[in-house]
C-alpha cells in the first residue's frame, strides 16, 4: 500500500512539473502599443498651435504669461474629446488653450496590436509675451499687444504688491 501512495505522490509532482514547464513555454506575447499622434507629427502639431493660438487681449493687458497643460482623449476615429485644463495659469489663457485643442483636426489614432484604441494625452500650451519697440507682443505670433501698463499697476508693482488685479 505504501508503494502505491509513494508512486502516486511522485507521479503527481512529475505531472505538476510538466504543467508548469508547459505554461512557462507559452510565454505571453507582449502588447505593441502605438500612441496617437497629430497628422504630420510633432512639428506639424507645433505649427498648428503657433498658427491657431491667439493671446487673449485681457491676458495681454494684465501681462499674464505661463504654460497651460491640457489633457484630452483621442478617440478611435481620431477625434479630440474630453479636453480639460489640468494645470491652469489664468481663466483667459485656459479658455484659449481649450479652444485651440478642441478645434484641432483629427489625429492618427493610437493602436494596440494593430487595433485602434482611445488614447489620453497631455500637451502644454505656452503663452509668452515680449516687449518690442515699447509694445508688448505675443512672443509666438508677434501680434500687437498693449503699449504700456496702467498707472495703478505701476504703483502696485513699485510697492511690491504685484500687478495682477
N, C-alpha and C. Protein backbone atom coordinates (compact mmCIF):
# COMPACT_ATOMS: atom_id res chain seq x y z
N UNK A 1 0.82 -1.18 0.00
CA UNK A 1 0.00 0.00 0.00
C UNK A 1 0.86 1.25 0.00
N UNK A 2 1.97 1.22 0.79
CA UNK A 2 2.86 2.37 0.84
C UNK A 2 3.48 2.64 -0.52
N UNK A 3 3.79 1.58 -1.25
CA UNK A 3 4.40 1.75 -2.56
C UNK A 3 3.47 2.51 -3.50
N UNK A 4 2.20 2.19 -3.47
CA UNK A 4 1.24 2.85 -4.36
C UNK A 4 1.08 4.34 -4.02
N UNK A 5 1.03 4.63 -2.74
CA UNK A 5 0.89 6.03 -2.31
C UNK A 5 2.13 6.82 -2.71
N UNK A 6 3.31 6.25 -2.46
CA UNK A 6 4.56 6.91 -2.83
C UNK A 6 4.61 7.13 -4.33
N UNK A 7 4.22 6.14 -5.12
CA UNK A 7 4.22 6.25 -6.57
C UNK A 7 3.23 7.33 -7.03
N UNK A 8 2.06 7.36 -6.41
CA UNK A 8 1.04 8.34 -6.77
C UNK A 8 1.52 9.76 -6.47
N UNK A 9 2.17 9.95 -5.31
CA UNK A 9 2.69 11.27 -4.95
C UNK A 9 3.80 11.67 -5.90
N UNK A 10 4.70 10.75 -6.23
CA UNK A 10 5.80 11.04 -7.15
C UNK A 10 5.24 11.40 -8.53
N UNK A 11 4.24 10.68 -8.99
CA UNK A 11 3.61 10.94 -10.28
C UNK A 11 2.94 12.32 -10.30
N UNK A 12 2.30 12.66 -9.19
CA UNK A 12 1.64 13.95 -9.07
C UNK A 12 2.65 15.09 -9.20
N UNK A 13 3.79 14.99 -8.54
CA UNK A 13 4.83 16.03 -8.64
C UNK A 13 5.37 16.13 -10.06
N UNK A 14 5.57 14.98 -10.72
CA UNK A 14 6.07 15.00 -12.10
C UNK A 14 5.04 15.66 -13.02
N UNK A 15 3.77 15.37 -12.80
CA UNK A 15 2.72 15.94 -13.63
C UNK A 15 2.65 17.46 -13.44
N UNK A 16 2.72 17.93 -12.19
CA UNK A 16 2.70 19.37 -11.92
C UNK A 16 3.90 20.05 -12.56
N UNK A 17 5.06 19.43 -12.50
CA UNK A 17 6.26 19.99 -13.12
C UNK A 17 6.09 20.14 -14.61
N UNK A 18 5.46 19.17 -15.25
CA UNK A 18 5.24 19.23 -16.69
C UNK A 18 4.28 20.36 -17.03
N UNK A 19 3.26 20.55 -16.22
CA UNK A 19 2.30 21.62 -16.46
C UNK A 19 2.98 22.98 -16.31
N UNK A 20 3.79 23.14 -15.26
CA UNK A 20 4.49 24.41 -15.05
C UNK A 20 5.45 24.70 -16.19
N UNK A 21 6.16 23.69 -16.67
CA UNK A 21 7.08 23.88 -17.78
C UNK A 21 6.34 24.27 -19.04
N UNK A 22 5.21 23.62 -19.30
CA UNK A 22 4.43 23.92 -20.50
C UNK A 22 3.88 25.34 -20.44
N UNK A 23 3.40 25.78 -19.25
CA UNK A 23 2.86 27.13 -19.17
C UNK A 23 3.97 28.17 -19.27
N UNK A 24 5.15 27.87 -18.80
CA UNK A 24 6.28 28.80 -18.92
C UNK A 24 6.69 28.93 -20.38
N UNK A 25 6.56 27.84 -21.14
CA UNK A 25 6.92 27.89 -22.55
C UNK A 25 5.92 28.70 -23.36
N UNK A 26 4.65 28.74 -22.93
CA UNK A 26 3.64 29.55 -23.61
C UNK A 26 3.74 30.98 -23.09
N UNK A 27 4.85 31.60 -23.36
CA UNK A 27 5.13 32.96 -22.88
C UNK A 27 4.09 33.92 -23.45
N UNK A 28 3.60 34.82 -22.60
CA UNK A 28 2.60 35.78 -23.05
C UNK A 28 3.23 36.75 -24.05
N UNK A 29 2.58 36.91 -25.16
CA UNK A 29 3.04 37.81 -26.19
C UNK A 29 2.88 39.25 -25.70
N UNK A 30 3.92 40.07 -25.83
CA UNK A 30 3.85 41.45 -25.35
C UNK A 30 2.99 42.30 -26.29
N UNK A 31 2.21 43.21 -25.69
CA UNK A 31 1.37 44.10 -26.47
C UNK A 31 2.23 45.15 -27.16
N UNK A 32 1.88 45.46 -28.40
CA UNK A 32 2.55 46.53 -29.13
C UNK A 32 1.61 47.72 -29.17
N UNK A 33 1.98 48.79 -28.45
CA UNK A 33 1.13 49.97 -28.34
C UNK A 33 1.80 51.14 -29.06
N UNK A 34 1.03 51.79 -29.91
CA UNK A 34 1.48 52.99 -30.61
C UNK A 34 0.52 54.11 -30.21
N UNK A 35 1.06 55.16 -29.59
CA UNK A 35 0.22 56.27 -29.15
C UNK A 35 -0.31 57.07 -30.33
N UNK A 36 -1.42 57.73 -30.10
CA UNK A 36 -2.00 58.62 -31.12
C UNK A 36 -1.01 59.75 -31.40
N UNK A 37 -1.04 60.23 -32.62
CA UNK A 37 -0.18 61.37 -32.94
C UNK A 37 -0.87 62.30 -33.93
N UNK A 38 -0.48 63.56 -33.85
CA UNK A 38 -1.00 64.58 -34.73
C UNK A 38 -0.57 64.24 -36.16
N UNK A 39 -1.48 64.40 -37.11
CA UNK A 39 -1.13 64.09 -38.51
C UNK A 39 0.00 65.02 -38.96
N UNK A 40 1.09 64.43 -39.37
CA UNK A 40 2.26 65.21 -39.75
C UNK A 40 3.33 65.23 -38.67
N UNK A 41 3.00 64.67 -37.49
CA UNK A 41 3.98 64.56 -36.42
C UNK A 41 4.04 65.77 -35.51
N UNK A 42 5.05 65.77 -34.66
CA UNK A 42 5.19 66.80 -33.65
C UNK A 42 5.43 68.19 -34.25
N UNK A 43 6.20 68.25 -35.33
CA UNK A 43 6.45 69.55 -35.99
C UNK A 43 5.15 70.15 -36.50
N UNK A 44 4.30 69.33 -37.08
CA UNK A 44 3.01 69.81 -37.59
C UNK A 44 2.12 70.27 -36.44
N UNK A 45 2.18 69.58 -35.30
CA UNK A 45 1.41 70.00 -34.13
C UNK A 45 1.88 71.37 -33.64
N UNK A 46 3.18 71.55 -33.57
CA UNK A 46 3.72 72.85 -33.15
C UNK A 46 3.29 73.95 -34.11
N UNK A 47 3.37 73.68 -35.40
CA UNK A 47 2.92 74.66 -36.40
C UNK A 47 1.44 75.00 -36.21
N UNK A 48 0.62 73.96 -36.00
CA UNK A 48 -0.81 74.20 -35.78
C UNK A 48 -1.02 75.11 -34.57
N UNK A 49 -0.36 74.80 -33.46
CA UNK A 49 -0.53 75.59 -32.25
C UNK A 49 -0.06 77.03 -32.46
N UNK A 50 1.07 77.22 -33.14
CA UNK A 50 1.58 78.57 -33.40
C UNK A 50 0.63 79.38 -34.28
N UNK A 51 0.05 78.74 -35.27
CA UNK A 51 -0.82 79.44 -36.21
C UNK A 51 -2.22 79.70 -35.65
N UNK A 52 -2.66 78.90 -34.71
CA UNK A 52 -4.06 78.98 -34.27
C UNK A 52 -4.27 79.52 -32.86
N UNK A 53 -3.23 79.61 -32.06
CA UNK A 53 -3.36 80.12 -30.70
C UNK A 53 -3.24 81.64 -30.73
N UNK A 54 -4.21 82.30 -30.15
CA UNK A 54 -4.20 83.77 -30.08
C UNK A 54 -4.14 84.21 -28.63
N UNK A 55 -3.27 85.14 -28.34
CA UNK A 55 -3.12 85.63 -26.98
C UNK A 55 -4.36 86.44 -26.62
N UNK A 56 -5.07 86.08 -25.59
CA UNK A 56 -6.27 86.84 -25.20
C UNK A 56 -5.91 88.28 -24.81
N UNK A 57 -6.65 89.24 -25.31
CA UNK A 57 -6.38 90.65 -25.04
C UNK A 57 -6.32 90.94 -23.54
N UNK A 58 -7.27 90.36 -22.80
CA UNK A 58 -7.31 90.60 -21.35
C UNK A 58 -6.03 90.12 -20.67
N UNK A 59 -5.52 88.99 -21.11
CA UNK A 59 -4.29 88.45 -20.53
C UNK A 59 -3.09 89.32 -20.90
N UNK A 60 -3.10 89.86 -22.12
CA UNK A 60 -2.01 90.76 -22.52
C UNK A 60 -2.05 92.05 -21.70
N UNK A 61 -3.26 92.57 -21.47
CA UNK A 61 -3.39 93.80 -20.69
C UNK A 61 -2.84 93.62 -19.28
N UNK A 62 -3.03 92.42 -18.74
CA UNK A 62 -2.57 92.13 -17.38
C UNK A 62 -1.17 91.49 -17.37
N UNK A 63 -0.57 91.37 -18.54
CA UNK A 63 0.76 90.78 -18.72
C UNK A 63 0.86 89.39 -18.08
N UNK A 64 -0.14 88.58 -18.33
CA UNK A 64 -0.18 87.22 -17.79
C UNK A 64 0.50 86.28 -18.78
N UNK A 65 1.46 85.53 -18.29
CA UNK A 65 2.16 84.55 -19.12
C UNK A 65 2.18 83.22 -18.39
N UNK A 66 2.49 82.16 -19.09
CA UNK A 66 2.63 80.86 -18.45
C UNK A 66 2.28 79.71 -19.37
N UNK A 67 2.30 78.52 -18.79
CA UNK A 67 2.06 77.30 -19.54
C UNK A 67 0.79 76.63 -19.03
N UNK A 68 -0.16 76.44 -19.92
CA UNK A 68 -1.42 75.74 -19.60
C UNK A 68 -1.28 74.31 -20.10
N UNK A 69 -1.54 73.36 -19.20
CA UNK A 69 -1.48 71.95 -19.59
C UNK A 69 -2.91 71.47 -19.87
N UNK A 70 -3.11 70.92 -21.05
CA UNK A 70 -4.43 70.44 -21.46
C UNK A 70 -4.37 68.94 -21.70
N UNK A 71 -5.29 68.23 -21.06
CA UNK A 71 -5.41 66.79 -21.22
C UNK A 71 -6.63 66.53 -22.10
N UNK A 72 -6.54 65.53 -22.98
CA UNK A 72 -7.65 65.22 -23.88
C UNK A 72 -7.58 63.77 -24.32
N UNK A 73 -8.69 63.30 -24.88
CA UNK A 73 -8.75 61.95 -25.43
C UNK A 73 -8.71 62.02 -26.95
N UNK A 74 -7.96 61.11 -27.55
CA UNK A 74 -8.01 60.91 -28.99
C UNK A 74 -8.80 59.61 -29.17
N UNK A 75 -9.97 59.73 -29.76
CA UNK A 75 -10.86 58.58 -29.93
C UNK A 75 -10.35 57.65 -31.03
N UNK A 76 -11.01 56.52 -31.18
CA UNK A 76 -10.61 55.54 -32.19
C UNK A 76 -10.69 56.09 -33.61
N UNK A 77 -11.55 57.09 -33.80
CA UNK A 77 -11.67 57.69 -35.14
C UNK A 77 -10.76 58.93 -35.29
N UNK A 78 -9.97 59.24 -34.25
CA UNK A 78 -9.04 60.36 -34.32
C UNK A 78 -9.58 61.67 -33.77
N UNK A 79 -10.87 61.72 -33.43
CA UNK A 79 -11.47 62.96 -32.91
C UNK A 79 -10.96 63.27 -31.51
N UNK A 80 -10.89 64.57 -31.21
CA UNK A 80 -10.49 65.04 -29.88
C UNK A 80 -11.75 65.20 -29.02
N UNK A 81 -11.74 64.59 -27.83
CA UNK A 81 -12.86 64.72 -26.90
C UNK A 81 -12.32 64.93 -25.48
N UNK A 82 -13.21 65.31 -24.59
CA UNK A 82 -12.92 65.41 -23.16
C UNK A 82 -11.71 66.28 -22.83
N UNK A 83 -11.53 67.36 -23.57
CA UNK A 83 -10.41 68.26 -23.27
C UNK A 83 -10.68 68.99 -21.96
N UNK A 84 -9.64 69.06 -21.12
CA UNK A 84 -9.76 69.79 -19.86
C UNK A 84 -8.40 70.31 -19.44
N UNK A 85 -8.40 71.41 -18.72
CA UNK A 85 -7.17 72.01 -18.23
C UNK A 85 -6.77 71.28 -16.95
N UNK A 86 -5.54 70.80 -16.92
CA UNK A 86 -5.06 70.13 -15.70
C UNK A 86 -4.02 70.99 -14.97
N UNK A 87 -3.49 72.00 -15.65
CA UNK A 87 -2.63 72.98 -14.99
C UNK A 87 -3.03 74.35 -15.52
N UNK A 88 -3.61 75.13 -14.64
CA UNK A 88 -4.16 76.43 -15.02
C UNK A 88 -3.17 77.55 -14.74
N UNK A 89 -3.25 78.60 -15.56
CA UNK A 89 -2.47 79.81 -15.32
C UNK A 89 -3.43 80.94 -14.99
N UNK A 90 -4.45 81.09 -15.83
CA UNK A 90 -5.42 82.17 -15.71
C UNK A 90 -6.62 81.78 -16.56
N UNK A 91 -7.80 82.25 -16.18
CA UNK A 91 -9.01 81.86 -16.91
C UNK A 91 -8.95 82.23 -18.39
N UNK A 92 -8.37 83.37 -18.72
CA UNK A 92 -8.30 83.79 -20.13
C UNK A 92 -7.41 82.85 -20.94
N UNK A 93 -6.26 82.49 -20.37
CA UNK A 93 -5.35 81.59 -21.07
C UNK A 93 -5.92 80.18 -21.13
N UNK A 94 -6.60 79.76 -20.06
CA UNK A 94 -7.21 78.42 -20.04
C UNK A 94 -8.25 78.27 -21.14
N UNK A 95 -9.10 79.28 -21.28
CA UNK A 95 -10.16 79.23 -22.30
C UNK A 95 -9.55 79.15 -23.69
N UNK A 96 -8.50 79.92 -23.94
CA UNK A 96 -7.86 79.90 -25.26
C UNK A 96 -7.19 78.56 -25.51
N UNK A 97 -6.53 78.01 -24.51
CA UNK A 97 -5.87 76.71 -24.68
C UNK A 97 -6.90 75.62 -24.99
N UNK A 98 -8.02 75.63 -24.28
CA UNK A 98 -9.08 74.66 -24.57
C UNK A 98 -9.65 74.85 -25.96
N UNK A 99 -9.83 76.09 -26.37
CA UNK A 99 -10.38 76.37 -27.70
C UNK A 99 -9.47 75.80 -28.79
N UNK A 100 -8.19 76.06 -28.67
CA UNK A 100 -7.28 75.61 -29.73
C UNK A 100 -7.15 74.08 -29.75
N UNK A 101 -7.22 73.44 -28.59
CA UNK A 101 -7.14 71.97 -28.55
C UNK A 101 -8.42 71.34 -29.09
N UNK A 102 -9.57 71.83 -28.68
CA UNK A 102 -10.83 71.22 -29.15
C UNK A 102 -11.06 71.44 -30.64
N UNK A 103 -10.42 72.46 -31.22
CA UNK A 103 -10.58 72.71 -32.66
C UNK A 103 -9.51 72.03 -33.51
N UNK A 104 -8.64 71.24 -32.89
CA UNK A 104 -7.60 70.56 -33.67
C UNK A 104 -8.24 69.60 -34.67
N UNK A 105 -7.59 69.44 -35.81
CA UNK A 105 -8.09 68.42 -36.75
C UNK A 105 -7.88 67.03 -36.15
N UNK A 106 -8.55 66.05 -36.73
CA UNK A 106 -8.43 64.67 -36.24
C UNK A 106 -6.97 64.21 -36.25
N UNK A 107 -6.64 63.42 -35.25
CA UNK A 107 -5.31 62.84 -35.11
C UNK A 107 -5.29 61.44 -35.72
N UNK A 108 -4.09 60.89 -35.87
CA UNK A 108 -3.95 59.47 -36.20
C UNK A 108 -4.20 58.73 -34.88
N UNK A 109 -5.19 57.84 -34.83
CA UNK A 109 -5.50 57.19 -33.55
C UNK A 109 -4.38 56.25 -33.10
N UNK A 110 -4.36 55.98 -31.81
CA UNK A 110 -3.41 55.03 -31.26
C UNK A 110 -3.83 53.61 -31.60
N UNK A 111 -2.90 52.68 -31.49
CA UNK A 111 -3.21 51.28 -31.75
C UNK A 111 -2.60 50.39 -30.67
N UNK A 112 -3.25 49.26 -30.48
CA UNK A 112 -2.73 48.21 -29.59
C UNK A 112 -2.82 46.92 -30.38
N UNK A 113 -1.67 46.36 -30.68
CA UNK A 113 -1.59 45.15 -31.50
C UNK A 113 -2.32 45.32 -32.83
N UNK A 114 -2.20 46.50 -33.42
CA UNK A 114 -2.80 46.76 -34.72
C UNK A 114 -4.25 47.22 -34.69
N UNK A 115 -4.90 47.18 -33.53
CA UNK A 115 -6.29 47.61 -33.41
C UNK A 115 -6.35 49.02 -32.84
N UNK A 116 -7.22 49.84 -33.40
CA UNK A 116 -7.35 51.22 -32.92
C UNK A 116 -7.81 51.24 -31.46
N UNK A 117 -7.28 52.22 -30.72
CA UNK A 117 -7.68 52.37 -29.33
C UNK A 117 -7.72 53.85 -28.96
N UNK A 118 -8.44 54.16 -27.90
CA UNK A 118 -8.50 55.51 -27.37
C UNK A 118 -7.20 55.81 -26.64
N UNK A 119 -6.73 57.05 -26.74
CA UNK A 119 -5.52 57.46 -26.04
C UNK A 119 -5.78 58.75 -25.29
N UNK A 120 -5.28 58.82 -24.09
CA UNK A 120 -5.35 60.05 -23.31
C UNK A 120 -3.98 60.72 -23.39
N UNK A 121 -3.96 61.97 -23.82
CA UNK A 121 -2.71 62.70 -23.98
C UNK A 121 -2.77 64.04 -23.26
N UNK A 122 -1.62 64.60 -23.00
CA UNK A 122 -1.50 65.91 -22.38
C UNK A 122 -0.49 66.72 -23.18
N UNK A 123 -0.85 67.97 -23.49
CA UNK A 123 0.11 68.85 -24.17
C UNK A 123 0.17 70.20 -23.45
N UNK A 124 1.34 70.84 -23.50
CA UNK A 124 1.46 72.19 -22.92
C UNK A 124 1.17 73.24 -23.99
N UNK A 125 0.47 74.29 -23.59
CA UNK A 125 0.26 75.45 -24.47
C UNK A 125 0.95 76.62 -23.76
N UNK A 126 2.00 77.14 -24.37
CA UNK A 126 2.78 78.21 -23.75
C UNK A 126 2.32 79.58 -24.23
N UNK A 127 2.16 80.48 -23.29
CA UNK A 127 1.81 81.85 -23.59
C UNK A 127 2.95 82.73 -23.09
N UNK A 128 3.62 83.41 -24.04
CA UNK A 128 4.74 84.27 -23.70
C UNK A 128 4.56 85.61 -24.40
N UNK A 129 5.02 86.66 -23.74
CA UNK A 129 5.00 88.00 -24.36
C UNK A 129 6.41 88.56 -24.30
N UNK A 130 6.73 89.37 -25.29
CA UNK A 130 8.00 90.09 -25.27
C UNK A 130 7.70 91.56 -25.55
N UNK A 131 8.62 92.40 -25.16
CA UNK A 131 8.46 93.82 -25.40
C UNK A 131 9.27 94.18 -26.65
N UNK A 132 8.59 94.76 -27.62
CA UNK A 132 9.24 95.12 -28.87
C UNK A 132 8.84 96.54 -29.24
N UNK A 133 9.81 97.42 -29.37
CA UNK A 133 9.56 98.83 -29.71
C UNK A 133 8.55 99.47 -28.76
N UNK A 134 8.68 99.17 -27.47
CA UNK A 134 7.81 99.77 -26.48
C UNK A 134 6.43 99.14 -26.37
N UNK A 135 6.17 98.06 -27.14
CA UNK A 135 4.88 97.38 -27.10
C UNK A 135 5.09 95.94 -26.65
N UNK A 136 4.09 95.43 -25.95
CA UNK A 136 4.11 94.00 -25.65
C UNK A 136 3.47 93.27 -26.81
N UNK A 137 4.12 92.21 -27.22
CA UNK A 137 3.59 91.41 -28.33
C UNK A 137 3.60 89.94 -27.92
N UNK A 138 2.72 89.19 -28.54
CA UNK A 138 2.67 87.75 -28.35
C UNK A 138 3.99 87.20 -28.89
N UNK A 139 4.79 86.59 -28.04
CA UNK A 139 6.12 86.13 -28.44
C UNK A 139 6.06 85.09 -29.55
N UNK A 140 5.00 84.31 -29.59
CA UNK A 140 4.89 83.26 -30.60
C UNK A 140 4.39 83.80 -31.93
N UNK A 141 3.38 84.66 -31.89
CA UNK A 141 2.73 85.11 -33.11
C UNK A 141 3.00 86.56 -33.46
N UNK A 142 3.69 87.27 -32.56
CA UNK A 142 4.07 88.66 -32.79
C UNK A 142 2.87 89.56 -33.06
N UNK A 143 1.73 89.28 -32.41
CA UNK A 143 0.55 90.15 -32.51
C UNK A 143 0.79 91.41 -31.70
N UNK A 144 0.19 92.52 -32.13
CA UNK A 144 0.32 93.74 -31.36
C UNK A 144 -0.26 93.54 -29.98
N UNK A 145 0.43 94.09 -29.00
CA UNK A 145 -0.02 93.95 -27.63
C UNK A 145 -0.36 95.30 -27.03
N UNK A 146 -0.19 95.42 -25.76
CA UNK A 146 -0.52 96.64 -25.04
C UNK A 146 0.74 97.48 -24.92
N UNK A 147 0.61 98.79 -25.23
CA UNK A 147 1.78 99.65 -25.28
C UNK A 147 2.37 99.92 -23.90
N UNK A 148 1.57 100.22 -22.93
CA UNK A 148 2.13 100.47 -21.61
C UNK A 148 1.16 100.05 -20.52
N UNK A 149 1.71 99.91 -19.32
CA UNK A 149 0.90 99.50 -18.17
C UNK A 149 0.07 100.66 -17.67
N UNK A 150 -1.00 100.31 -16.98
CA UNK A 150 -1.80 101.35 -16.35
C UNK A 150 -1.04 101.93 -15.17
N UNK A 151 -1.38 103.18 -14.78
CA UNK A 151 -0.71 103.81 -13.65
C UNK A 151 -0.91 103.00 -12.38
N UNK A 152 -2.11 102.47 -12.20
CA UNK A 152 -2.39 101.70 -10.99
C UNK A 152 -1.48 100.48 -10.89
N UNK A 153 -1.29 99.77 -11.98
CA UNK A 153 -0.43 98.59 -11.96
C UNK A 153 1.01 98.98 -11.64
N UNK A 154 1.47 100.09 -12.22
CA UNK A 154 2.85 100.53 -11.94
C UNK A 154 3.01 100.87 -10.47
N UNK A 155 2.02 101.55 -9.88
CA UNK A 155 2.09 101.90 -8.47
C UNK A 155 2.15 100.64 -7.61
N UNK A 156 1.28 99.69 -7.90
CA UNK A 156 1.26 98.46 -7.12
C UNK A 156 2.55 97.67 -7.27
N UNK A 157 3.09 97.63 -8.47
CA UNK A 157 4.32 96.89 -8.70
C UNK A 157 5.47 97.55 -7.96
N UNK A 158 5.52 98.91 -8.00
CA UNK A 158 6.58 99.63 -7.31
C UNK A 158 6.52 99.42 -5.80
N UNK A 159 5.32 99.21 -5.28
CA UNK A 159 5.15 98.96 -3.84
C UNK A 159 5.38 97.50 -3.50
N UNK A 160 5.70 96.69 -4.51
CA UNK A 160 5.94 95.27 -4.26
C UNK A 160 4.68 94.43 -4.11
N UNK A 161 3.56 94.95 -4.59
CA UNK A 161 2.29 94.23 -4.43
C UNK A 161 1.89 93.48 -5.71
N UNK A 162 2.71 93.54 -6.71
CA UNK A 162 2.37 92.86 -7.96
C UNK A 162 1.37 93.66 -8.75
N UNK A 163 1.04 93.18 -9.91
CA UNK A 163 0.12 93.94 -10.77
C UNK A 163 -0.99 93.09 -11.35
N UNK A 164 -1.19 91.91 -10.84
CA UNK A 164 -2.22 91.03 -11.39
C UNK A 164 -3.54 91.21 -10.66
N UNK A 165 -4.23 92.29 -10.90
CA UNK A 165 -5.54 92.53 -10.28
C UNK A 165 -6.62 92.32 -11.28
